[in-house]
PDB file of N, CA and C in Angstrom:
ATOM      1  N   MET A   1     -26.717   2.039  12.315  1.00  0.00           N
ATOM      2  CA  MET A   1     -27.433   0.702  11.893  1.00  0.00           C
ATOM      3  C   MET A   1     -26.883  -0.541  12.323  1.00  0.00           C
ATOM      4  N   THR A   2     -27.725  -1.290  12.661  1.00  0.00           N
ATOM      5  CA  THR A   2     -27.299  -2.741  13.355  1.00  0.00           C
ATOM      6  C   THR A   2     -27.679  -3.759  12.139  1.00  0.00           C
ATOM      7  N   VAL A   3     -27.085  -4.441  11.361  1.00  0.00           N
ATOM      8  CA  VAL A   3     -27.145  -5.556  10.502  1.00  0.00           C
ATOM      9  C   VAL A   3     -26.758  -6.755  11.009  1.00  0.00           C
ATOM     10  N   ASN A   4     -27.414  -7.841  10.571  1.00  0.00           N
ATOM     11  CA  ASN A   4     -26.916  -9.294  11.042  1.00  0.00           C
ATOM     12  C   ASN A   4     -26.956 -10.088   9.840  1.00  0.00           C
ATOM     13  N   LEU A   5     -25.660 -10.644   9.754  1.00  0.00           N
ATOM     14  CA  LEU A   5     -25.411 -11.437   8.524  1.00  0.00           C
ATOM     15  C   LEU A   5     -25.096 -13.110   9.097  1.00  0.00           C
ATOM     16  N   ASN A   6     -25.716 -13.724   8.023  1.00  0.00           N
ATOM     17  CA  ASN A   6     -25.344 -15.167   8.181  1.00  0.00           C
ATOM     18  C   ASN A   6     -24.365 -15.478   6.862  1.00  0.00           C
ATOM     19  N   LEU A   7     -23.280 -15.603   7.290  1.00  0.00           N
ATOM     20  CA  LEU A   7     -21.920 -15.781   6.228  1.00  0.00           C
ATOM     21  C   LEU A   7     -21.708 -17.219   6.396  1.00  0.00           C
ATOM     22  N   PRO A   8     -21.249 -17.845   5.357  1.00  0.00           N
ATOM     23  CA  PRO A   8     -20.408 -19.369   5.469  1.00  0.00           C
ATOM     24  C   PRO A   8     -19.199 -18.760   6.277  1.00  0.00           C
ATOM     25  N   PRO A   9     -19.019 -19.960   7.092  1.00  0.00           N
ATOM     26  CA  PRO A   9     -17.908 -19.889   8.220  1.00  0.00           C
ATOM     27  C   PRO A   9     -16.602 -19.483   7.349  1.00  0.00           C
ATOM     28  N   GLN A  10     -16.243 -19.981   6.196  1.00  0.00           N
ATOM     29  CA  GLN A  10     -15.025 -19.771   5.338  1.00  0.00           C
ATOM     30  C   GLN A  10     -15.247 -17.904   5.073  1.00  0.00           C
ATOM     31  N   VAL A  11     -16.397 -17.432   4.598  1.00  0.00           N
ATOM     32  CA  VAL A  11     -16.439 -16.178   4.485  1.00  0.00           C
ATOM     33  C   VAL A  11     -15.959 -15.533   5.678  1.00  0.00           C
ATOM     34  N   GLU A  12     -16.699 -15.745   6.734  1.00  0.00           N
ATOM     35  CA  GLU A  12     -16.676 -15.025   7.947  1.00  0.00           C
ATOM     36  C   GLU A  12     -15.097 -14.952   8.553  1.00  0.00           C
ATOM     37  N   ASN A  13     -14.466 -16.307   8.282  1.00  0.00           N
ATOM     38  CA  ASN A  13     -13.031 -16.424   8.813  1.00  0.00           C
ATOM     39  C   ASN A  13     -12.237 -15.211   7.992  1.00  0.00           C
ATOM     40  N   ALA A  14     -12.346 -15.521   6.647  1.00  0.00           N
ATOM     41  CA  ALA A  14     -11.631 -14.489   5.761  1.00  0.00           C
ATOM     42  C   ALA A  14     -11.810 -13.074   6.059  1.00  0.00           C
ATOM     43  N   TYR A  15     -13.018 -12.420   6.438  1.00  0.00           N
ATOM     44  CA  TYR A  15     -13.247 -10.970   6.911  1.00  0.00           C
ATOM     45  C   TYR A  15     -12.649 -10.891   8.020  1.00  0.00           C
ATOM     46  N   LEU A  16     -12.810 -11.817   8.996  1.00  0.00           N
ATOM     47  CA  LEU A  16     -11.904 -11.668  10.454  1.00  0.00           C
ATOM     48  C   LEU A  16     -10.614 -11.599  10.281  1.00  0.00           C
ATOM     49  N   ALA A  17      -9.661 -12.328   9.317  1.00  0.00           N
ATOM     50  CA  ALA A  17      -8.298 -12.241   9.258  1.00  0.00           C
ATOM     51  C   ALA A  17      -8.016 -11.220   8.461  1.00  0.00           C
ATOM     52  N   GLU A  18      -8.855 -10.392   7.499  1.00  0.00           N
ATOM     53  CA  GLU A  18      -8.442  -9.363   6.809  1.00  0.00           C
ATOM     54  C   GLU A  18      -8.521  -8.238   8.022  1.00  0.00           C
ATOM     55  N   ALA A  19      -9.649  -8.117   8.959  1.00  0.00           N
ATOM     56  CA  ALA A  19      -9.977  -7.215   9.722  1.00  0.00           C
ATOM     57  C   ALA A  19      -8.372  -6.969  10.841  1.00  0.00           C
ATOM     58  N   ARG A  20      -8.143  -8.534  11.389  1.00  0.00           N
ATOM     59  CA  ARG A  20      -7.124  -8.610  12.163  1.00  0.00           C
ATOM     60  C   ARG A  20      -5.712  -8.093  11.255  1.00  0.00           C
ATOM     61  N   ALA A  21      -5.448  -8.271  10.261  1.00  0.00           N
ATOM     62  CA  ALA A  21      -4.734  -7.742   9.538  1.00  0.00           C
ATOM     63  C   ALA A  21      -4.512  -6.338   9.436  1.00  0.00           C
ATOM     64  N   LYS A  22      -5.608  -5.868   9.088  1.00  0.00           N
ATOM     65  CA  LYS A  22      -5.810  -4.212   9.203  1.00  0.00           C
ATOM     66  C   LYS A  22      -5.571  -3.577  10.245  1.00  0.00           C
ATOM     67  N   GLY A  23      -5.835  -4.090  11.629  1.00  0.00           N
ATOM     68  CA  GLY A  23      -5.883  -3.837  12.698  1.00  0.00           C
ATOM     69  C   GLY A  23      -7.159  -3.026  12.995  1.00  0.00           C
ATOM     70  N   VAL A  24      -8.336  -3.503  12.477  1.00  0.00           N
ATOM     71  CA  VAL A  24      -9.612  -2.891  12.624  1.00  0.00           C
ATOM     72  C   VAL A  24     -10.554  -3.971  13.015  1.00  0.00           C
ATOM     73  N   SER A  25     -11.613  -3.493  13.833  1.00  0.00           N
ATOM     74  CA  SER A  25     -12.541  -4.400  14.119  1.00  0.00           C
ATOM     75  C   SER A  25     -13.609  -5.121  13.135  1.00  0.00           C
ATOM     76  N   LEU A  26     -13.925  -6.085  13.156  1.00  0.00           N
ATOM     77  CA  LEU A  26     -14.922  -6.428  12.228  1.00  0.00           C
ATOM     78  C   LEU A  26     -15.890  -5.586  11.961  1.00  0.00           C
ATOM     79  N   ASP A  27     -16.655  -5.212  12.539  1.00  0.00           N
ATOM     80  CA  ASP A  27     -17.655  -3.976  12.243  1.00  0.00           C
ATOM     81  C   ASP A  27     -17.104  -2.783  11.393  1.00  0.00           C
ATOM     82  N   GLU A  28     -15.875  -2.416  11.829  1.00  0.00           N
ATOM     83  CA  GLU A  28     -15.272  -1.270  10.816  1.00  0.00           C
ATOM     84  C   GLU A  28     -15.135  -1.843   9.648  1.00  0.00           C
ATOM     85  N   LEU A  29     -14.480  -2.860   9.567  1.00  0.00           N
ATOM     86  CA  LEU A  29     -14.259  -3.571   8.271  1.00  0.00           C
ATOM     87  C   LEU A  29     -15.326  -3.760   7.255  1.00  0.00           C
ATOM     88  N   MET A  30     -16.546  -4.199   7.612  1.00  0.00           N
ATOM     89  CA  MET A  30     -17.573  -4.447   7.159  1.00  0.00           C
ATOM     90  C   MET A  30     -18.570  -3.322   6.511  1.00  0.00           C
ATOM     91  N   GLY A  31     -18.174  -2.259   7.611  1.00  0.00           N
ATOM     92  CA  GLY A  31     -18.774  -0.806   7.384  1.00  0.00           C
ATOM     93  C   GLY A  31     -17.988  -0.201   5.933  1.00  0.00           C
ATOM     94  N   GLU A  32     -16.715  -0.416   6.082  1.00  0.00           N
ATOM     95  CA  GLU A  32     -15.712  -0.136   4.770  1.00  0.00           C
ATOM     96  C   GLU A  32     -16.360  -0.788   3.543  1.00  0.00           C
ATOM     97  N   VAL A  33     -16.297  -2.104   3.661  1.00  0.00           N
ATOM     98  CA  VAL A  33     -16.845  -3.102   2.435  1.00  0.00           C
ATOM     99  C   VAL A  33     -18.177  -2.496   1.922  1.00  0.00           C
ATOM    100  N   LEU A  34     -19.229  -2.140   2.774  1.00  0.00           N
ATOM    101  CA  LEU A  34     -20.515  -1.943   2.118  1.00  0.00           C
ATOM    102  C   LEU A  34     -20.615  -0.436   1.710  1.00  0.00           C
ATOM    103  N   ILE A  35     -19.359   0.476   2.310  1.00  0.00           N
ATOM    104  CA  ILE A  35     -19.650   1.786   1.987  1.00  0.00           C
ATOM    105  C   ILE A  35     -18.802   1.687   0.542  1.00  0.00           C
ATOM    106  N   ALA A  36     -17.696   0.979   0.167  1.00  0.00           N
ATOM    107  CA  ALA A  36     -16.957   0.875  -0.867  1.00  0.00           C
ATOM    108  C   ALA A  36     -18.104   0.474  -1.991  1.00  0.00           C
ATOM    109  N   SER A  37     -18.790  -0.202  -1.613  1.00  0.00           N
ATOM    110  CA  SER A  37     -19.738  -1.031  -2.626  1.00  0.00           C
ATOM    111  C   SER A  37     -21.348  -0.601  -2.644  1.00  0.00           C
ATOM    112  N   GLN A  38     -21.462   0.550  -2.100  1.00  0.00           N
ATOM    113  CA  GLN A  38     -22.589   1.177  -2.267  1.00  0.00           C
ATOM    114  C   GLN A  38     -23.344   1.264  -3.705  1.00  0.00           C
ATOM    115  N   PRO A  39     -24.574   1.021  -3.850  1.00  0.00           N
ATOM    116  CA  PRO A  39     -25.148   1.529  -5.082  1.00  0.00           C
ATOM    117  C   PRO A  39     -24.799   3.025  -5.536  1.00  0.00           C
ATOM    118  N   ALA A  40     -24.649   3.046  -6.744  1.00  0.00           N
ATOM    119  CA  ALA A  40     -24.208   4.216  -7.260  1.00  0.00           C
ATOM    120  C   ALA A  40     -25.657   5.376  -7.294  1.00  0.00           C
ATOM    121  N   LEU A  41     -25.120   6.689  -6.765  1.00  0.00           N
ATOM    122  CA  LEU A  41     -26.210   7.768  -6.488  1.00  0.00           C
ATOM    123  C   LEU A  41     -26.420   8.039  -7.865  1.00  0.00           C
ATOM    124  N   HIS A  42     -27.464   8.739  -7.924  1.00  0.00           N
ATOM    125  CA  HIS A  42     -27.931   9.748  -9.474  1.00  0.00           C
ATOM    126  C   HIS A  42     -26.985  10.640  -9.605  1.00  0.00           C
ATOM    127  N   ALA A  43     -25.937  10.835 -10.283  1.00  0.00           N
ATOM    128  CA  ALA A  43     -24.945  12.034 -10.382  1.00  0.00           C
ATOM    129  C   ALA A  43     -25.575  12.971 -10.702  1.00  0.00           C
ATOM    130  N   ALA A  44     -26.731  13.271 -11.359  1.00  0.00           N
ATOM    131  CA  ALA A  44     -27.276  14.678 -11.545  1.00  0.00           C
ATOM    132  C   ALA A  44     -27.898  15.346 -10.318  1.00  0.00           C
ATOM    133  N   ASP A  45     -28.121  14.447  -9.354  1.00  0.00           N
ATOM    134  CA  ASP A  45     -28.925  15.037  -7.921  1.00  0.00           C
ATOM    135  C   ASP A  45     -27.505  15.529  -6.902  1.00  0.00           C
ATOM    136  N   ASN A  46     -26.466  15.059  -7.294  1.00  0.00           N
ATOM    137  CA  ASN A  46     -25.253  15.661  -6.754  1.00  0.00           C
ATOM    138  C   ASN A  46     -24.603  16.656  -7.054  1.00  0.00           C
ATOM    139  N   THR A  47     -23.949  17.720  -6.167  1.00  0.00           N
ATOM    140  CA  THR A  47     -23.184  18.533  -6.319  1.00  0.00           C
ATOM    141  C   THR A  47     -21.582  17.965  -7.270  1.00  0.00           C
ATOM    142  N   VAL A  48     -21.050  19.019  -7.736  1.00  0.00           N
ATOM    143  CA  VAL A  48     -19.706  18.377  -8.065  1.00  0.00           C
ATOM    144  C   VAL A  48     -18.786  17.953  -7.212  1.00  0.00           C
ATOM    145  N   PHE A  49     -19.165  18.744  -5.963  1.00  0.00           N
ATOM    146  CA  PHE A  49     -18.121  18.042  -4.867  1.00  0.00           C
ATOM    147  C   PHE A  49     -18.600  16.748  -4.442  1.00  0.00           C
ATOM    148  N   GLN A  50     -19.886  16.347  -4.302  1.00  0.00           N
ATOM    149  CA  GLN A  50     -20.310  15.222  -3.809  1.00  0.00           C
ATOM    150  C   GLN A  50     -20.073  13.935  -4.862  1.00  0.00           C
ATOM    151  N   GLN A  51     -20.224  14.529  -6.032  1.00  0.00           N
ATOM    152  CA  GLN A  51     -19.555  13.326  -7.078  1.00  0.00           C
ATOM    153  C   GLN A  51     -17.973  13.159  -7.282  1.00  0.00           C
ATOM    154  N   GLY A  52     -17.246  14.005  -6.523  1.00  0.00           N
ATOM    155  CA  GLY A  52     -15.812  13.426  -6.576  1.00  0.00           C
ATOM    156  C   GLY A  52     -15.651  13.149  -5.127  1.00  0.00           C
ATOM    157  N   LEU A  53     -16.353  12.780  -4.320  1.00  0.00           N
ATOM    158  CA  LEU A  53     -16.199  12.233  -2.950  1.00  0.00           C
ATOM    159  C   LEU A  53     -16.089  10.625  -3.284  1.00  0.00           C
ATOM    160  N   GLY A  54     -15.122  10.065  -2.681  1.00  0.00           N
ATOM    161  CA  GLY A  54     -15.073   8.386  -3.036  1.00  0.00           C
ATOM    162  C   GLY A  54     -14.209   8.115  -4.298  1.00  0.00           C
ATOM    163  N   LEU A  55     -13.762   9.605  -5.055  1.00  0.00           N
ATOM    164  CA  LEU A  55     -13.074   8.770  -6.113  1.00  0.00           C
ATOM    165  C   LEU A  55     -11.851   8.243  -6.171  1.00  0.00           C
ATOM    166  N   PHE A  56     -11.450   8.555  -5.020  1.00  0.00           N
ATOM    167  CA  PHE A  56     -10.134   7.510  -4.719  1.00  0.00           C
ATOM    168  C   PHE A  56     -10.425   6.556  -3.508  1.00  0.00           C
ATOM    169  N   GLY A  57     -10.422   5.393  -3.258  1.00  0.00           N
ATOM    170  CA  GLY A  57     -10.707   4.455  -2.631  1.00  0.00           C
ATOM    171  C   GLY A  57     -10.083   4.825  -1.237  1.00  0.00           C
ATOM    172  N   SER A  58      -8.622   5.232  -1.434  1.00  0.00           N
ATOM    173  CA  SER A  58      -7.743   5.393   0.193  1.00  0.00           C
ATOM    174  C   SER A  58      -6.745   6.588  -0.343  1.00  0.00           C
ATOM    175  N   ALA A  59      -6.162   7.068   0.496  1.00  0.00           N
ATOM    176  CA  ALA A  59      -4.889   8.047   0.332  1.00  0.00           C
ATOM    177  C   ALA A  59      -3.903   6.961  -0.560  1.00  0.00           C
ATOM    178  N   GLU A  60      -3.675   5.820  -0.675  1.00  0.00           N
ATOM    179  CA  GLU A  60      -2.890   5.179  -1.163  1.00  0.00           C
ATOM    180  C   GLU A  60      -3.117   5.398  -2.566  1.00  0.00           C
ATOM    181  N   ASP A  61      -4.429   5.104  -2.777  1.00  0.00           N
ATOM    182  CA  ASP A  61      -4.852   5.260  -4.320  1.00  0.00           C
ATOM    183  C   ASP A  61      -4.627   6.860  -4.894  1.00  0.00           C
ATOM    184  N   ALA A  62      -4.783   7.607  -4.138  1.00  0.00           N
ATOM    185  CA  ALA A  62      -4.719   9.108  -4.470  1.00  0.00           C
ATOM    186  C   ALA A  62      -2.900   9.263  -4.859  1.00  0.00           C
ATOM    187  N   ALA A  63      -2.288   8.611  -4.062  1.00  0.00           N
ATOM    188  CA  ALA A  63      -0.710   8.782  -3.838  1.00  0.00           C
ATOM    189  C   ALA A  63      -0.099   8.103  -5.125  1.00  0.00           C
ATOM    190  N   LEU A  64      -0.850   6.883  -5.601  1.00  0.00           N
ATOM    191  CA  LEU A  64      -0.657   5.986  -6.491  1.00  0.00           C
ATOM    192  C   LEU A  64      -0.844   6.917  -7.813  1.00  0.00           C
ATOM    193  N   LEU A  65      -1.889   7.542  -8.275  1.00  0.00           N
ATOM    194  CA  LEU A  65      -2.631   8.382  -9.196  1.00  0.00           C
ATOM    195  C   LEU A  65      -1.427   9.458  -9.387  1.00  0.00           C
ATOM    196  N   ASP A  66      -1.075  10.195  -8.314  1.00  0.00           N
ATOM    197  CA  ASP A  66      -0.249  11.147  -8.260  1.00  0.00           C
ATOM    198  C   ASP A  66       1.156  10.702  -9.040  1.00  0.00           C
ATOM    199  N   GLU A  67       1.536   9.436  -8.672  1.00  0.00           N
ATOM    200  CA  GLU A  67       2.892   9.135  -9.126  1.00  0.00           C
ATOM    201  C   GLU A  67       2.893   8.744 -10.417  1.00  0.00           C
ATOM    202  N   VAL A  68       1.701   7.983 -10.945  1.00  0.00           N
ATOM    203  CA  VAL A  68       1.497   7.954 -12.496  1.00  0.00           C
ATOM    204  C   VAL A  68       1.407   9.171 -13.129  1.00  0.00           C
ATOM    205  N   VAL A  69       0.450  10.180 -12.737  1.00  0.00           N
ATOM    206  CA  VAL A  69       1.000  11.323 -13.466  1.00  0.00           C
ATOM    207  C   VAL A  69       2.174  12.006 -13.565  1.00  0.00           C
ATOM    208  N   ALA A  70       2.875  11.983 -12.593  1.00  0.00           N
ATOM    209  CA  ALA A  70       4.238  12.508 -12.647  1.00  0.00           C
ATOM    210  C   ALA A  70       5.135  11.643 -13.612  1.00  0.00           C
ATOM    211  N   ILE A  71       5.006  10.166 -13.569  1.00  0.00           N
ATOM    212  CA  ILE A  71       5.824   9.828 -14.553  1.00  0.00           C
ATOM    213  C   ILE A  71       5.370   9.745 -16.298  1.00  0.00           C
ATOM    214  N   ALA A  72       3.994  10.425 -15.940  1.00  0.00           N
ATOM    215  CA  ALA A  72       3.761  10.569 -17.596  1.00  0.00           C
ATOM    216  C   ALA A  72       3.988  11.699 -17.962  1.00  0.00           C
ATOM    217  N   TYR A  73       3.907  12.769 -16.971  1.00  0.00           N
ATOM    218  CA  TYR A  73       4.541  14.071 -17.588  1.00  0.00           C
ATOM    219  C   TYR A  73       6.119  14.028 -17.658  1.00  0.00           C
ATOM    220  N   GLU A  74       6.846  13.400 -17.027  1.00  0.00           N
ATOM    221  CA  GLU A  74       8.348  12.992 -17.173  1.00  0.00           C
ATOM    222  C   GLU A  74       8.639  12.405 -18.816  1.00  0.00           C
ATOM    223  N   GLU A  75       7.666  11.484 -18.856  1.00  0.00           N
ATOM    224  CA  GLU A  75       7.824  10.728 -20.050  1.00  0.00           C
ATOM    225  C   GLU A  75       7.535  11.850 -21.367  1.00  0.00           C
ATOM    226  N   ARG A  76       6.589  12.811 -21.196  1.00  0.00           N
ATOM    227  CA  ARG A  76       5.949  13.491 -22.056  1.00  0.00           C
ATOM    228  C   ARG A  76       7.296  14.976 -22.502  1.00  0.00           C
ATOM    229  N   ARG A  77       8.094  14.831 -21.533  1.00  0.00           N
ATOM    230  CA  ARG A  77       9.023  16.044 -21.317  1.00  0.00           C
ATOM    231  C   ARG A  77      10.443  15.509 -22.051  1.00  0.00           C
ATOM    232  N   ARG A  78      10.734  14.203 -22.191  1.00  0.00           N
ATOM    233  CA  ARG A  78      11.787  13.214 -23.060  1.00  0.00           C
ATOM    234  C   ARG A  78      11.662  13.895 -24.583  1.00  0.00           C
ATOM    235  N   PRO A  79      13.049  14.352 -24.835  1.00  0.00           N
ATOM    236  CA  PRO A  79      13.031  14.605 -26.370  1.00  0.00           C
ATOM    237  C   PRO A  79      12.776  13.247 -27.100  1.00  0.00           C
ATOM    238  N   THR A  80      12.049  13.573 -27.991  1.00  0.00           N
ATOM    239  CA  THR A  80      11.892  12.272 -29.220  1.00  0.00           C
ATOM    240  C   THR A  80      12.667  12.077 -30.030  1.00  0.00           C
ATOM    241  N   ARG A  81      13.059  10.646 -30.061  1.00  0.00           N
ATOM    242  CA  ARG A  81      14.165  10.495 -31.006  1.00  0.00           C
ATOM    243  C   ARG A  81      13.724  10.690 -32.983  1.00  0.00           C
ATOM    244  N   PRO A  82      14.769  11.173 -33.550  1.00  0.00           N
ATOM    245  CA  PRO A  82      14.301  11.355 -34.855  1.00  0.00           C
ATOM    246  C   PRO A  82      14.208   9.873 -35.555  1.00  0.00           C
ATOM    247  N   SER A  83      13.237  10.080 -36.585  1.00  0.00           N
ATOM    248  CA  SER A  83      12.936   8.932 -36.840  1.00  0.00           C
ATOM    249  C   SER A  83      13.907   7.955 -37.654  1.00  0.00           C
ATOM    250  N   GLY A  84      13.905   6.525 -37.639  1.00  0.00           N
ATOM    251  CA  GLY A  84      15.172   5.907 -37.979  1.00  0.00           C
ATOM    252  C   GLY A  84      16.310   6.094 -37.442  1.00  0.00           C
ATOM    253  N   VAL A  85      16.135   6.271 -36.007  1.00  0.00           N
ATOM    254  CA  VAL A  85      17.489   6.258 -35.262  1.00  0.00           C
ATOM    255  C   VAL A  85      16.811   5.630 -34.087  1.00  0.00           C
ATOM    256  N   PHE A  86      17.792   4.151 -33.805  1.00  0.00           N
ATOM    257  CA  PHE A  86      17.507   3.396 -32.768  1.00  0.00           C
ATOM    258  C   PHE A  86      18.296   3.317 -31.557  1.00  0.00           C
TER     259      PHE A  86
END
């Protein structure tokens, strides 16, 4: 699909800078932005697998979630202090 956008120069420059920083073309970046902000589909119309797609925005998000879960489990394994002991 081809879409033409008329953006204010400062907005266009910001997206160009972000695309350069990520090492992708402006077209690729705008595709990512549009896909990430697509309107929600009716969940009832999707399979469980389809509902899970896009749950994590990136591999970094998934890794961060894994790290947070690991920390939470580690905290849970620590012995608790008896009340009144500081």
